[in-house]
Amino acid sequence: MKLNKLAIAAACLLSAATVMADKKATDTTPAEDLKLYRDYFQKRFPGVSMNEFGNGVYAIDKVSRDSWVAIEDFPPYEPMMEAGETMWNTPFANGKTYGSCFGDDPAQRKNYPYWDSKRKMVITLPLAINECREANGEKPLKYKKGAIADLLAYMAYESRGQQITVEIPDDPDALAAYNEGKSFYFARRGQLNFSCAGCHMESSGMHVRTDILSPELGHTSNWPVYRSKWGELGTLHRRFTGCNKQVRAKPFKAQGREYRNLEFFLSHMNNGIEFNGPSARK
């Protein structure tokens, strides 16, 4: 058994994140990673169902969950979701709509992200939205908030109940992109020398001041998110940017290769969990 596999299997005794960070990303296959990853979180949080992990910290903390349930009775993202529906149905200047790119069904979350073998790159839903706009003579939207978050909120709502099913093709380039995302997740960075895994795997469930660190399992299921801290909707890559800044690391470009490959890896680790966006968070 390879060392990084053994580390996760012995997660209660050893820091899997630390050990895996010291090993090559290619030591395990995506299928092996998925099993080990699920086992780690299910052992760390016994009694939490796979699908419940899609609710983030609210899956593991009752006090936080009660407040969240009350907020979801009157979701703050509802007006943005309605604006997104209007966007979906409003024709471009050429008379076409988003349906010309995605078909008539806005419930597209199950199809993204995916590996495009011809272009040799990961395609995410926000990237596809902007490529649709540009193909129809429209200007691309900014990726972190605003109109694109509104449209994503509507598409996410229509996609609720679909499961994350991200396949990693048996293709050297696809595996390279996946492993780059995996390496990013376990790499320490910034002046604080933290990794994604350090917070959301190794320290998941622990407190940082008044906040509880959420388990990463399920993290890609609930976007876009209305954060009280932001006072608005934001995208997954906006959150990636914020995490990098919090550890005092220079963030990468939203929808650049680094963050798309990270999303590719994390989404594969979340396979089987239902999409439940948009959602509200602290």
C-alpha atoms as a PDB file:
ATOM      1  CA  MET A   1       0.000   0.000   0.000  1.00  0.00           C
ATOM      2  CA  LYS A   2       1.451   3.380  -0.974  1.00  0.00           C
ATOM      3  CA  LEU A   3       2.260   5.788   1.824  1.00  0.00           C
ATOM      4  CA  ASN A   4      -0.382   8.362   0.951  1.00  0.00           C
ATOM      5  CA  LYS A   5      -3.074   5.654   0.855  1.00  0.00           C
ATOM      6  CA  LEU A   6      -1.991   4.391   4.232  1.00  0.00           C
ATOM      7  CA  ALA A   7      -2.105   7.914   5.652  1.00  0.00           C
ATOM      8  CA  ILE A   8      -5.777   8.404   4.863  1.00  0.00           C
ATOM      9  CA  ALA A   9      -6.678   4.933   6.095  1.00  0.00           C
ATOM     10  CA  ALA A  10      -5.019   5.849   9.413  1.00  0.00           C
ATOM     11  CA  ALA A  11      -6.513   9.343   9.491  1.00  0.00           C
ATOM     12  CA  CYS A  12      -7.324   9.214  13.201  1.00  0.00           C
ATOM     13  CA  LEU A  13      -3.660   8.685  14.055  1.00  0.00           C
ATOM     14  CA  LEU A  14      -1.857  10.628  11.351  1.00  0.00           C
ATOM     15  CA  SER A  15      -2.351  13.808   9.358  1.00  0.00           C
ATOM     16  CA  ALA A  16      -3.372  12.544   5.924  1.00  0.00           C
ATOM     17  CA  ALA A  17      -3.097  16.021   4.478  1.00  0.00           C
ATOM     18  CA  THR A  18       0.507  16.439   5.602  1.00  0.00           C
ATOM     19  CA  VAL A  19       1.608  13.064   4.297  1.00  0.00           C
ATOM     20  CA  MET A  20      -0.211  13.382   0.976  1.00  0.00           C
ATOM     21  CA  ALA A  21       1.285  16.822   0.443  1.00  0.00           C
ATOM     22  CA  ASP A  22       4.734  15.207   0.527  1.00  0.00           C
ATOM     23  CA  LYS A  23       3.881  12.601  -2.109  1.00  0.00           C
ATOM     24  CA  LYS A  24       3.432  12.838  -5.850  1.00  0.00           C
ATOM     25  CA  ALA A  25      -0.115  13.428  -7.073  1.00  0.00           C
ATOM     26  CA  THR A  26       0.273  10.462  -9.421  1.00  0.00           C
ATOM     27  CA  ASP A  27       0.743   7.965  -6.574  1.00  0.00           C
ATOM     28  CA  THR A  28      -2.963   7.141  -6.635  1.00  0.00           C
ATOM     29  CA  THR A  29      -5.611   7.033  -9.354  1.00  0.00           C
ATOM     30  CA  PRO A  30      -8.742   9.236  -9.334  1.00  0.00           C
ATOM     31  CA  ALA A  31     -10.840   6.189  -8.394  1.00  0.00           C
ATOM     32  CA  GLU A  32      -8.551   5.396  -5.454  1.00  0.00           C
ATOM     33  CA  ASP A  33      -8.568   9.042  -4.382  1.00  0.00           C
ATOM     34  CA  LEU A  34     -12.358   9.128  -4.400  1.00  0.00           C
ATOM     35  CA  LYS A  35     -12.694   6.089  -2.132  1.00  0.00           C
ATOM     36  CA  LEU A  36      -9.997   7.245   0.258  1.00  0.00           C
ATOM     37  CA  TYR A  37     -11.391  10.751   0.413  1.00  0.00           C
ATOM     38  CA  ARG A  38     -14.916   9.574   1.197  1.00  0.00           C
ATOM     39  CA  ASP A  39     -13.660   7.127   3.798  1.00  0.00           C
ATOM     40  CA  TYR A  40     -11.653   9.879   5.488  1.00  0.00           C
ATOM     41  CA  PHE A  41     -14.620  12.206   5.938  1.00  0.00           C
ATOM     42  CA  GLN A  42     -17.097   9.479   6.829  1.00  0.00           C
ATOM     43  CA  LYS A  43     -14.756   8.279   9.592  1.00  0.00           C
ATOM     44  CA  ARG A  44     -14.114  11.834  10.745  1.00  0.00           C
ATOM     45  CA  PHE A  45     -17.837  12.668  10.867  1.00  0.00           C
ATOM     46  CA  PRO A  46     -19.683   9.394  11.535  1.00  0.00           C
ATOM     47  CA  GLY A  47     -23.425   9.620  11.112  1.00  0.00           C
ATOM     48  CA  VAL A  48     -23.298  12.345   8.448  1.00  0.00           C
ATOM     49  CA  SER A  49     -24.688  10.989   5.180  1.00  0.00           C
ATOM     50  CA  MET A  50     -22.825  11.557   1.935  1.00  0.00           C
ATOM     51  CA  ASN A  51     -25.480  13.885   0.576  1.00  0.00           C
ATOM     52  CA  GLU A  52     -25.666  15.868   3.809  1.00  0.00           C
ATOM     53  CA  PHE A  53     -22.046  16.955   3.313  1.00  0.00           C
ATOM     54  CA  GLY A  54     -23.386  19.222   0.577  1.00  0.00           C
ATOM     55  CA  ASN A  55     -24.641  21.509   3.362  1.00  0.00           C
ATOM     56  CA  GLY A  56     -21.121  22.342   4.488  1.00  0.00           C
ATOM     57  CA  VAL A  57     -20.632  23.284   8.118  1.00  0.00           C
ATOM     58  CA  TYR A  58     -24.380  22.974   8.666  1.00  0.00           C
ATOM     59  CA  ALA A  59     -24.012  19.203   8.291  1.00  0.00           C
ATOM     60  CA  ILE A  60     -21.798  19.000  11.382  1.00  0.00           C
ATOM     61  CA  ASP A  61     -22.919  21.810  13.711  1.00  0.00           C
ATOM     62  CA  LYS A  62     -26.519  21.955  14.971  1.00  0.00           C
ATOM     63  CA  VAL A  63     -26.412  25.537  16.256  1.00  0.00           C
ATOM     64  CA  SER A  64     -25.177  26.840  12.909  1.00  0.00           C
ATOM     65  CA  ARG A  65     -27.672  24.638  11.086  1.00  0.00           C
ATOM     66  CA  ASP A  66     -30.673  26.004  12.997  1.00  0.00           C
ATOM     67  CA  SER A  67     -29.774  29.564  12.030  1.00  0.00           C
ATOM     68  CA  TRP A  68     -29.186  28.535   8.431  1.00  0.00           C
ATOM     69  CA  VAL A  69     -32.534  26.732   8.147  1.00  0.00           C
ATOM     70  CA  ALA A  70     -34.272  29.905   9.362  1.00  0.00           C
ATOM     71  CA  ILE A  71     -32.451  31.980   6.729  1.00  0.00           C
ATOM     72  CA  GLU A  72     -33.378  29.530   3.983  1.00  0.00           C
ATOM     73  CA  ASP A  73     -37.078  30.079   4.757  1.00  0.00           C
ATOM     74  CA  PHE A  74     -36.636  33.495   3.124  1.00  0.00           C
ATOM     75  CA  PRO A  75     -33.483  33.037   1.037  1.00  0.00           C
ATOM     76  CA  PRO A  76     -31.517  36.235   0.438  1.00  0.00           C
ATOM     77  CA  TYR A  77     -30.453  35.003  -2.999  1.00  0.00           C
ATOM     78  CA  GLU A  78     -34.008  34.770  -4.350  1.00  0.00           C
ATOM     79  CA  PRO A  79     -34.009  38.178  -6.131  1.00  0.00           C
ATOM     80  CA  MET A  80     -30.694  37.312  -7.808  1.00  0.00           C
ATOM     81  CA  MET A  81     -32.062  33.953  -8.893  1.00  0.00           C
ATOM     82  CA  GLU A  82     -35.052  35.707 -10.479  1.00  0.00           C
ATOM     83  CA  ALA A  83     -32.690  38.096 -12.262  1.00  0.00           C
ATOM     84  CA  GLY A  84     -30.831  35.062 -13.582  1.00  0.00           C
ATOM     85  CA  GLU A  85     -34.050  33.587 -14.941  1.00  0.00           C
ATOM     86  CA  THR A  86     -34.699  36.840 -16.777  1.00  0.00           C
ATOM     87  CA  MET A  87     -31.201  36.682 -18.251  1.00  0.00           C
ATOM     88  CA  TRP A  88     -31.753  33.123 -19.422  1.00  0.00           C
ATOM     89  CA  ASN A  89     -34.958  34.070 -21.217  1.00  0.00           C
ATOM     90  CA  THR A  90     -33.826  37.420 -22.664  1.00  0.00           C
ATOM     91  CA  PRO A  91     -32.562  37.186 -26.278  1.00  0.00           C
ATOM     92  CA  PHE A  92     -29.136  38.461 -27.222  1.00  0.00           C
ATOM     93  CA  ALA A  93     -28.882  41.252 -29.780  1.00  0.00           C
ATOM     94  CA  ASN A  94     -28.826  38.599 -32.525  1.00  0.00           C
ATOM     95  CA  GLY A  95     -32.142  37.156 -31.333  1.00  0.00           C
ATOM     96  CA  LYS A  96     -30.691  33.963 -29.870  1.00  0.00           C
ATOM     97  CA  THR A  97     -30.681  33.011 -26.183  1.00  0.00           C
ATOM     98  CA  TYR A  98     -28.500  30.923 -23.863  1.00  0.00           C
ATOM     99  CA  GLY A  99     -30.664  28.032 -24.976  1.00  0.00           C
ATOM    100  CA  SER A 100     -28.886  28.143 -28.341  1.00  0.00           C
ATOM    101  CA  CYS A 101     -25.749  26.947 -26.540  1.00  0.00           C
ATOM    102  CA  PHE A 102     -27.133  24.798 -23.742  1.00  0.00           C
ATOM    103  CA  GLY A 103     -30.419  23.567 -25.167  1.00  0.00           C
ATOM    104  CA  ASP A 104     -33.758  24.646 -23.727  1.00  0.00           C
ATOM    105  CA  ASP A 105     -33.053  23.196 -20.283  1.00  0.00           C
ATOM    106  CA  PRO A 106     -31.161  25.505 -17.876  1.00  0.00           C
ATOM    107  CA  ALA A 107     -30.498  22.553 -15.524  1.00  0.00           C
ATOM    108  CA  GLN A 108     -26.924  22.112 -16.726  1.00  0.00           C
ATOM    109  CA  ARG A 109     -24.919  21.612 -13.517  1.00  0.00           C
ATOM    110  CA  LYS A 110     -24.621  17.848 -14.004  1.00  0.00           C
ATOM    111  CA  ASN A 111     -22.607  18.461 -17.181  1.00  0.00           C
ATOM    112  CA  TYR A 112     -19.834  20.567 -15.626  1.00  0.00           C
ATOM    113  CA  PRO A 113     -16.926  20.657 -15.148  1.00  0.00           C
ATOM    114  CA  TYR A 114     -15.709  18.298 -17.853  1.00  0.00           C
ATOM    115  CA  TRP A 115     -12.547  17.572 -19.800  1.00  0.00           C
ATOM    116  CA  ASP A 116     -12.562  18.813 -23.394  1.00  0.00           C
ATOM    117  CA  SER A 117     -10.243  16.403 -25.210  1.00  0.00           C
ATOM    118  CA  LYS A 118     -10.054  18.548 -28.350  1.00  0.00           C
ATOM    119  CA  ARG A 119      -9.082  21.736 -26.547  1.00  0.00           C
ATOM    120  CA  LYS A 120      -7.156  19.850 -23.848  1.00  0.00           C
ATOM    121  CA  MET A 121      -8.618  21.831 -20.977  1.00  0.00           C
ATOM    122  CA  VAL A 122     -11.230  21.721 -18.226  1.00  0.00           C
ATOM    123  CA  ILE A 123     -14.477  23.454 -19.133  1.00  0.00           C
ATOM    124  CA  THR A 124     -16.534  24.865 -16.258  1.00  0.00           C
ATOM    125  CA  LEU A 125     -20.073  26.201 -16.451  1.00  0.00           C
ATOM    126  CA  PRO A 126     -19.069  29.884 -15.995  1.00  0.00           C
ATOM    127  CA  LEU A 127     -16.500  29.513 -18.766  1.00  0.00           C
ATOM    128  CA  ALA A 128     -19.123  27.935 -21.034  1.00  0.00           C
ATOM    129  CA  ILE A 129     -21.533  30.798 -20.275  1.00  0.00           C
ATOM    130  CA  ASN A 130     -19.034  33.412 -21.392  1.00  0.00           C
ATOM    131  CA  GLU A 131     -18.066  31.417 -24.457  1.00  0.00           C
ATOM    132  CA  CYS A 132     -21.764  31.276 -25.339  1.00  0.00           C
ATOM    133  CA  ARG A 133     -22.036  35.042 -24.965  1.00  0.00           C
ATOM    134  CA  GLU A 134     -18.982  35.709 -27.105  1.00  0.00           C
ATOM    135  CA  ALA A 135     -20.175  33.281 -29.784  1.00  0.00           C
ATOM    136  CA  ASN A 136     -23.353  35.355 -29.965  1.00  0.00           C
ATOM    137  CA  GLY A 137     -21.610  38.710 -30.155  1.00  0.00           C
ATOM    138  CA  GLU A 138     -22.006  39.647 -26.480  1.00  0.00           C
ATOM    139  CA  LYS A 139     -19.334  40.819 -24.052  1.00  0.00           C
ATOM    140  CA  PRO A 140     -18.163  38.284 -21.456  1.00  0.00           C
ATOM    141  CA  LEU A 141     -19.266  38.707 -17.852  1.00  0.00           C
ATOM    142  CA  LYS A 142     -16.921  39.122 -14.903  1.00  0.00           C
ATOM    143  CA  TYR A 143     -16.423  35.786 -13.194  1.00  0.00           C
ATOM    144  CA  LYS A 144     -16.627  36.474  -9.461  1.00  0.00           C
ATOM    145  CA  LYS A 145     -19.978  38.193  -8.871  1.00  0.00           C
ATOM    146  CA  GLY A 146     -22.779  40.157 -10.445  1.00  0.00           C
ATOM    147  CA  ALA A 147     -24.677  39.023 -13.521  1.00  0.00           C
ATOM    148  CA  ILE A 148     -22.830  35.727 -13.945  1.00  0.00           C
ATOM    149  CA  ALA A 149     -23.601  34.776 -10.330  1.00  0.00           C
ATOM    150  CA  ASP A 150     -27.277  35.600 -10.950  1.00  0.00           C
ATOM    151  CA  LEU A 151     -27.441  33.369 -14.018  1.00  0.00           C
ATOM    152  CA  LEU A 152     -25.547  30.598 -12.241  1.00  0.00           C
ATOM    153  CA  ALA A 153     -27.993  30.852  -9.333  1.00  0.00           C
ATOM    154  CA  TYR A 154     -30.947  30.257 -11.622  1.00  0.00           C
ATOM    155  CA  MET A 155     -29.213  27.376 -13.413  1.00  0.00           C
ATOM    156  CA  ALA A 156     -28.159  25.889 -10.078  1.00  0.00           C
ATOM    157  CA  TYR A 157     -31.689  26.081  -8.707  1.00  0.00           C
ATOM    158  CA  GLU A 158     -33.030  24.331 -11.797  1.00  0.00           C
ATOM    159  CA  SER A 159     -30.329  21.678 -11.333  1.00  0.00           C
ATOM    160  CA  ARG A 160     -31.147  20.844  -7.717  1.00  0.00           C
ATOM    161  CA  GLY A 161     -31.334  17.100  -7.205  1.00  0.00           C
ATOM    162  CA  GLN A 162     -28.878  16.297  -9.973  1.00  0.00           C
ATOM    163  CA  GLN A 163     -25.788  14.460  -8.787  1.00  0.00           C
ATOM    164  CA  ILE A 164     -22.181  15.459  -9.300  1.00  0.00           C
ATOM    165  CA  THR A 165     -20.746  12.971 -11.800  1.00  0.00           C
ATOM    166  CA  VAL A 166     -17.355  14.201 -12.947  1.00  0.00           C
ATOM    167  CA  GLU A 167     -15.399  11.615 -14.870  1.00  0.00           C
ATOM    168  CA  ILE A 168     -11.631  11.775 -15.270  1.00  0.00           C
ATOM    169  CA  PRO A 169     -10.934  10.254 -18.697  1.00  0.00           C
ATOM    170  CA  ASP A 170      -8.108   7.788 -19.147  1.00  0.00           C
ATOM    171  CA  ASP A 171      -6.220  10.434 -21.067  1.00  0.00           C
ATOM    172  CA  PRO A 172      -2.710  11.658 -20.120  1.00  0.00           C
ATOM    173  CA  ASP A 173      -3.677  15.312 -20.499  1.00  0.00           C
ATOM    174  CA  ALA A 174      -6.881  14.941 -18.472  1.00  0.00           C
ATOM    175  CA  LEU A 175      -5.001  13.099 -15.734  1.00  0.00           C
ATOM    176  CA  ALA A 176      -2.347  15.814 -15.737  1.00  0.00           C
ATOM    177  CA  ALA A 177      -5.017  18.485 -15.218  1.00  0.00           C
ATOM    178  CA  TYR A 178      -6.648  16.432 -12.447  1.00  0.00           C
ATOM    179  CA  ASN A 179      -3.320  15.862 -10.709  1.00  0.00           C
ATOM    180  CA  GLU A 180      -2.453  19.546 -10.980  1.00  0.00           C
ATOM    181  CA  GLY A 181      -5.714  20.323  -9.189  1.00  0.00           C
ATOM    182  CA  LYS A 182      -4.929  17.668  -6.590  1.00  0.00           C
ATOM    183  CA  SER A 183      -1.439  19.080  -6.036  1.00  0.00           C
ATOM    184  CA  PHE A 184      -2.895  22.563  -5.657  1.00  0.00           C
ATOM    185  CA  TYR A 185      -5.266  21.304  -2.963  1.00  0.00           C
ATOM    186  CA  PHE A 186      -2.477  19.814  -0.844  1.00  0.00           C
ATOM    187  CA  ALA A 187       0.209  22.447  -1.491  1.00  0.00           C
ATOM    188  CA  ARG A 188       1.058  24.921   1.258  1.00  0.00           C
ATOM    189  CA  ARG A 189       1.159  28.520   0.119  1.00  0.00           C
ATOM    190  CA  GLY A 190       1.233  32.107   1.270  1.00  0.00           C
ATOM    191  CA  GLN A 191       2.873  33.753   4.257  1.00  0.00           C
ATOM    192  CA  LEU A 192       0.753  31.622   6.596  1.00  0.00           C
ATOM    193  CA  ASN A 193       1.923  28.425   4.879  1.00  0.00           C
ATOM    194  CA  PHE A 194      -1.559  26.853   4.754  1.00  0.00           C
ATOM    195  CA  SER A 195      -3.033  24.442   2.227  1.00  0.00           C
ATOM    196  CA  CYS A 196      -6.671  23.903   1.243  1.00  0.00           C
ATOM    197  CA  ALA A 197      -6.421  20.464   2.858  1.00  0.00           C
ATOM    198  CA  GLY A 198      -4.948  21.909   6.043  1.00  0.00           C
ATOM    199  CA  CYS A 199      -8.170  23.781   6.746  1.00  0.00           C
ATOM    200  CA  HIS A 200     -10.884  21.711   5.097  1.00  0.00           C
ATOM    201  CA  MET A 201      -9.533  18.186   5.524  1.00  0.00           C
ATOM    202  CA  GLU A 202      -7.054  17.957   8.369  1.00  0.00           C
ATOM    203  CA  SER A 203      -8.709  20.660  10.531  1.00  0.00           C
ATOM    204  CA  SER A 204     -12.298  20.273   9.349  1.00  0.00           C
ATOM    205  CA  GLY A 205     -14.763  20.627  12.210  1.00  0.00           C
ATOM    206  CA  MET A 206     -12.345  22.676  14.297  1.00  0.00           C
ATOM    207  CA  HIS A 207     -12.752  26.319  15.291  1.00  0.00           C
ATOM    208  CA  VAL A 208     -10.855  29.291  13.910  1.00  0.00           C
ATOM    209  CA  ARG A 209     -11.942  32.061  16.253  1.00  0.00           C
ATOM    210  CA  THR A 210     -15.756  31.889  16.040  1.00  0.00           C
ATOM    211  CA  ASP A 211     -15.873  30.008  12.740  1.00  0.00           C
ATOM    212  CA  ILE A 212     -16.004  26.253  12.251  1.00  0.00           C
ATOM    213  CA  LEU A 213     -13.940  24.920   9.362  1.00  0.00           C
ATOM    214  CA  SER A 214     -16.237  23.038   7.019  1.00  0.00           C
ATOM    215  CA  PRO A 215     -15.333  19.618   5.594  1.00  0.00           C
ATOM    216  CA  GLU A 216     -14.346  19.884   1.948  1.00  0.00           C
ATOM    217  CA  LEU A 217     -16.560  16.973   0.953  1.00  0.00           C
ATOM    218  CA  GLY A 218     -19.508  18.631  -0.797  1.00  0.00           C
ATOM    219  CA  HIS A 219     -17.866  22.029  -1.284  1.00  0.00           C
ATOM    220  CA  THR A 220     -18.570  22.252  -5.018  1.00  0.00           C
ATOM    221  CA  SER A 221     -22.250  21.315  -4.721  1.00  0.00           C
ATOM    222  CA  ASN A 222     -23.842  24.521  -3.464  1.00  0.00           C
ATOM    223  CA  TRP A 223     -22.552  27.373  -5.616  1.00  0.00           C
ATOM    224  CA  PRO A 224     -23.112  30.210  -6.222  1.00  0.00           C
ATOM    225  CA  VAL A 225     -23.389  31.265  -2.593  1.00  0.00           C
ATOM    226  CA  TYR A 226     -24.887  34.299  -0.895  1.00  0.00           C
ATOM    227  CA  ARG A 227     -22.468  35.109   1.932  1.00  0.00           C
ATOM    228  CA  SER A 228     -23.524  37.459   4.709  1.00  0.00           C
ATOM    229  CA  LYS A 229     -19.932  38.676   4.702  1.00  0.00           C
ATOM    230  CA  TRP A 230     -20.277  39.708   1.049  1.00  0.00           C
ATOM    231  CA  GLY A 231     -23.879  40.878   1.160  1.00  0.00           C
ATOM    232  CA  GLU A 232     -24.317  39.344  -2.280  1.00  0.00           C
ATOM    233  CA  LEU A 233     -23.882  36.239  -4.385  1.00  0.00           C
ATOM    234  CA  GLY A 234     -20.420  35.055  -5.315  1.00  0.00           C
ATOM    235  CA  THR A 235     -18.990  32.259  -7.420  1.00  0.00           C
ATOM    236  CA  LEU A 236     -16.796  29.323  -6.459  1.00  0.00           C
ATOM    237  CA  HIS A 237     -13.724  30.955  -7.959  1.00  0.00           C
ATOM    238  CA  ARG A 238     -14.391  34.086  -5.951  1.00  0.00           C
ATOM    239  CA  ARG A 239     -14.145  31.884  -2.872  1.00  0.00           C
ATOM    240  CA  PHE A 240     -10.923  30.300  -4.138  1.00  0.00           C
ATOM    241  CA  THR A 241      -9.546  33.825  -4.503  1.00  0.00           C
ATOM    242  CA  GLY A 242     -10.632  34.746  -0.982  1.00  0.00           C
ATOM    243  CA  CYS A 243      -9.037  31.622   0.493  1.00  0.00           C
ATOM    244  CA  ASN A 244      -5.722  32.419  -1.174  1.00  0.00           C
ATOM    245  CA  LYS A 245      -5.857  35.963   0.144  1.00  0.00           C
ATOM    246  CA  GLN A 246      -6.658  34.743   3.661  1.00  0.00           C
ATOM    247  CA  VAL A 247      -3.425  32.771   3.782  1.00  0.00           C
ATOM    248  CA  ARG A 248      -1.636  35.793   2.283  1.00  0.00           C
ATOM    249  CA  ALA A 249      -0.941  34.148  -1.028  1.00  0.00           C
ATOM    250  CA  LYS A 250      -1.307  35.822  -4.401  1.00  0.00           C
ATOM    251  CA  PRO A 251      -4.556  34.564  -5.933  1.00  0.00           C
ATOM    252  CA  PHE A 252      -4.815  33.176  -9.429  1.00  0.00           C
ATOM    253  CA  LYS A 253      -7.116  34.461 -12.143  1.00  0.00           C
ATOM    254  CA  ALA A 254     -10.750  33.389 -11.828  1.00  0.00           C
ATOM    255  CA  GLN A 255     -11.427  30.723 -14.467  1.00  0.00           C
ATOM    256  CA  GLY A 256      -7.713  30.464 -15.146  1.00  0.00           C
ATOM    257  CA  ARG A 257      -6.163  27.005 -15.547  1.00  0.00           C
ATOM    258  CA  GLU A 258      -5.159  26.668 -11.891  1.00  0.00           C
ATOM    259  CA  TYR A 259      -8.623  27.211 -10.434  1.00  0.00           C
ATOM    260  CA  ARG A 260     -10.382  25.233 -13.163  1.00  0.00           C
ATOM    261  CA  ASN A 261      -8.116  22.247 -12.486  1.00  0.00           C
ATOM    262  CA  LEU A 262      -8.717  22.623  -8.744  1.00  0.00           C
ATOM    263  CA  GLU A 263     -12.467  22.601  -9.386  1.00  0.00           C
ATOM    264  CA  PHE A 264     -12.003  19.497 -11.580  1.00  0.00           C
ATOM    265  CA  PHE A 265     -10.277  17.617  -8.747  1.00  0.00           C
ATOM    266  CA  LEU A 266     -12.677  18.765  -6.014  1.00  0.00           C
ATOM    267  CA  SER A 267     -15.766  18.036  -8.105  1.00  0.00           C
ATOM    268  CA  HIS A 268     -14.558  14.490  -8.752  1.00  0.00           C
ATOM    269  CA  MET A 269     -14.056  14.061  -4.998  1.00  0.00           C
ATOM    270  CA  ASN A 270     -17.678  15.171  -4.526  1.00  0.00           C
ATOM    271  CA  ASN A 271     -19.152  12.648  -6.965  1.00  0.00           C
ATOM    272  CA  GLY A 272     -22.511  11.272  -5.856  1.00  0.00           C
ATOM    273  CA  ILE A 273     -23.508  14.355  -3.857  1.00  0.00           C
ATOM    274  CA  GLU A 274     -26.517  16.297  -5.102  1.00  0.00           C
ATOM    275  CA  PHE A 275     -26.282  19.865  -6.344  1.00  0.00           C
ATOM    276  CA  ASN A 276     -28.136  22.128  -3.903  1.00  0.00           C
ATOM    277  CA  GLY A 277     -27.205  25.639  -4.983  1.00  0.00           C
ATOM    278  CA  PRO A 278     -27.691  28.459  -4.719  1.00  0.00           C
ATOM    279  CA  SER A 279     -27.224  28.604  -0.982  1.00  0.00           C
ATOM    280  CA  ALA A 280     -26.604  30.951   1.923  1.00  0.00           C
ATOM    281  CA  ARG A 281     -23.513  30.977   4.101  1.00  0.00           C
ATOM    282  CA  LYS A 282     -22.008  33.216   6.797  1.00  0.00           C
END
